[in-house]
Amino acid sequence: MAVVIYHNPGCSKFLKTLRIFQDKGVSLEIVEYMQTLLDVTELKRIVGLLGVSVGDIVCAKEAAEEGVVAGLDDEGLFAAIIDHPRIMQRPIVINDDRAAIRRLPENVFDIF
């Protein structure tokens, strides 16, 4: 099974992570979630694999820029991510049943 990366093409951390995988010859499935919008079921699956709350996958700065109000409950946050996918932290890397938010691309292999 290929490693899945959810990303925004404008994200510099994604580009670093991508280069690391390419250098190692890892088979990748790249999901551009700004183009291929995620549904609530997939978002809940990702949050579950990450073992975090939905609030942990929201970038506060970009949420504010998109006009997403603070203090939303989980369902409100899921809806906000669907409506404003740019607010999702990235890249998110999934390897089988393990996942991580790759804020530090150099640690990308800690879920293998």
Protein backbone atom coordinates (compact mmCIF):
# COMPACT_ATOMS: atom_id res chain seq x y z
CA MET A 1 0.00 0.00 0.00
CA ALA A 2 1.25 3.47 -0.85
CA VAL A 3 1.86 6.10 1.75
CA VAL A 4 -0.87 8.76 1.51
CA ILE A 5 -0.04 12.44 1.87
CA TYR A 6 -2.78 15.05 2.26
CA HIS A 7 -1.37 18.38 1.25
CA ASN A 8 -1.78 21.87 -0.08
CA PRO A 9 0.54 22.45 -3.09
CA GLY A 10 1.64 25.81 -1.69
CA CYS A 11 2.98 24.26 1.51
CA SER A 12 6.77 24.33 1.85
CA LYS A 13 6.73 21.55 4.45
CA PHE A 14 4.95 19.31 1.96
CA LEU A 15 7.66 19.95 -0.63
CA LYS A 16 10.37 19.01 1.89
CA THR A 17 8.46 15.89 2.91
CA LEU A 18 7.89 14.92 -0.72
CA ARG A 19 11.62 15.19 -1.49
CA ILE A 20 12.46 12.98 1.50
CA PHE A 21 10.06 10.28 0.30
CA GLN A 22 11.26 10.54 -3.28
CA ASP A 23 14.89 10.22 -2.17
CA LYS A 24 13.96 7.01 -0.30
CA GLY A 25 11.94 5.61 -3.23
CA VAL A 26 8.68 5.43 -1.22
CA SER A 27 5.51 4.81 -3.24
CA LEU A 28 3.16 7.76 -2.68
CA GLU A 29 -0.47 8.65 -3.15
CA ILE A 30 -0.76 12.44 -3.06
CA VAL A 31 -4.18 13.87 -2.19
CA GLU A 32 -4.50 17.56 -2.97
CA TYR A 33 -7.28 18.23 -0.49
CA MET A 34 -7.81 21.73 -1.86
CA GLN A 35 -8.86 20.12 -5.17
CA THR A 36 -10.26 16.81 -3.91
CA LEU A 37 -12.35 18.00 -0.99
CA LEU A 38 -12.58 15.69 1.99
CA ASP A 39 -15.87 14.70 3.54
CA VAL A 40 -16.62 14.49 7.24
CA THR A 41 -16.20 10.68 7.29
CA GLU A 42 -12.66 10.93 5.88
CA LEU A 43 -11.77 13.81 8.21
CA LYS A 44 -12.95 11.82 11.23
CA ARG A 45 -10.91 8.82 10.05
CA ILE A 46 -7.80 11.00 9.74
CA VAL A 47 -8.32 12.54 13.19
CA GLY A 48 -8.78 9.05 14.62
CA LEU A 49 -5.58 7.77 13.01
CA LEU A 50 -3.71 10.81 14.29
CA GLY A 51 -5.07 10.24 17.80
CA VAL A 52 -5.78 13.95 18.27
CA SER A 53 -8.80 16.20 18.52
CA VAL A 54 -10.13 17.90 15.40
CA GLY A 55 -8.91 21.21 16.80
CA ASP A 56 -5.35 19.88 16.60
CA ILE A 57 -5.54 19.68 12.80
CA VAL A 58 -6.70 23.28 12.42
CA CYS A 59 -4.10 25.96 11.72
CA ALA A 60 -5.27 28.87 13.91
CA LYS A 61 -3.61 31.55 11.79
CA GLU A 62 -5.20 30.38 8.56
CA ALA A 63 -8.55 29.79 10.28
CA ALA A 64 -8.55 33.43 11.38
CA GLU A 65 -7.58 34.54 7.87
CA GLU A 66 -10.51 32.53 6.47
CA GLY A 67 -12.91 34.08 8.97
CA VAL A 68 -13.54 30.88 10.92
CA VAL A 69 -14.80 31.86 14.35
CA ALA A 70 -13.00 30.59 17.45
CA GLY A 71 -14.73 28.31 19.93
CA LEU A 72 -16.46 25.95 17.48
CA ASP A 73 -17.39 22.50 18.74
CA ASP A 74 -16.02 19.41 16.96
CA GLU A 75 -18.82 19.25 14.40
CA GLY A 76 -18.38 22.95 13.69
CA LEU A 77 -14.64 22.44 13.19
CA PHE A 78 -15.22 19.53 10.80
CA ALA A 79 -17.65 21.71 8.83
CA ALA A 80 -15.15 24.60 8.83
CA ILE A 81 -12.41 22.35 7.40
CA ILE A 82 -14.77 21.15 4.68
CA ASP A 83 -15.79 24.72 3.84
CA HIS A 84 -12.24 26.13 4.19
CA PRO A 85 -9.79 23.26 3.51
CA ARG A 86 -6.84 25.65 3.65
CA ILE A 87 -7.16 25.68 7.47
CA MET A 88 -6.12 22.03 7.80
CA GLN A 89 -2.60 21.43 9.10
CA ARG A 90 -0.34 19.83 6.53
CA PRO A 91 1.04 17.73 5.30
CA ILE A 92 -0.71 14.80 6.95
CA VAL A 93 0.99 11.50 6.18
CA ILE A 94 -0.78 8.15 6.53
CA ASN A 95 0.97 4.80 6.44
CA ASP A 96 -1.56 1.98 6.82
CA ASP A 97 -3.15 2.58 10.24
CA ARG A 98 -0.65 5.17 11.45
CA ALA A 99 -0.68 8.89 10.73
CA ALA A 100 1.22 12.04 11.58
CA ILE A 101 1.11 15.74 10.86
CA ARG A 102 4.48 16.44 9.30
CA ARG A 103 5.30 19.84 10.68
CA LEU A 104 8.89 18.59 10.90
CA PRO A 105 9.59 16.88 7.56
CA GLU A 106 12.86 15.40 8.77
CA ASN A 107 10.91 13.17 11.21
CA VAL A 108 8.70 11.76 8.45
CA PHE A 109 9.71 8.14 8.94
CA ASP A 110 8.66 7.89 12.60
CA ILE A 111 5.30 6.37 11.56
CA PHE A 112 6.90 3.44 9.71
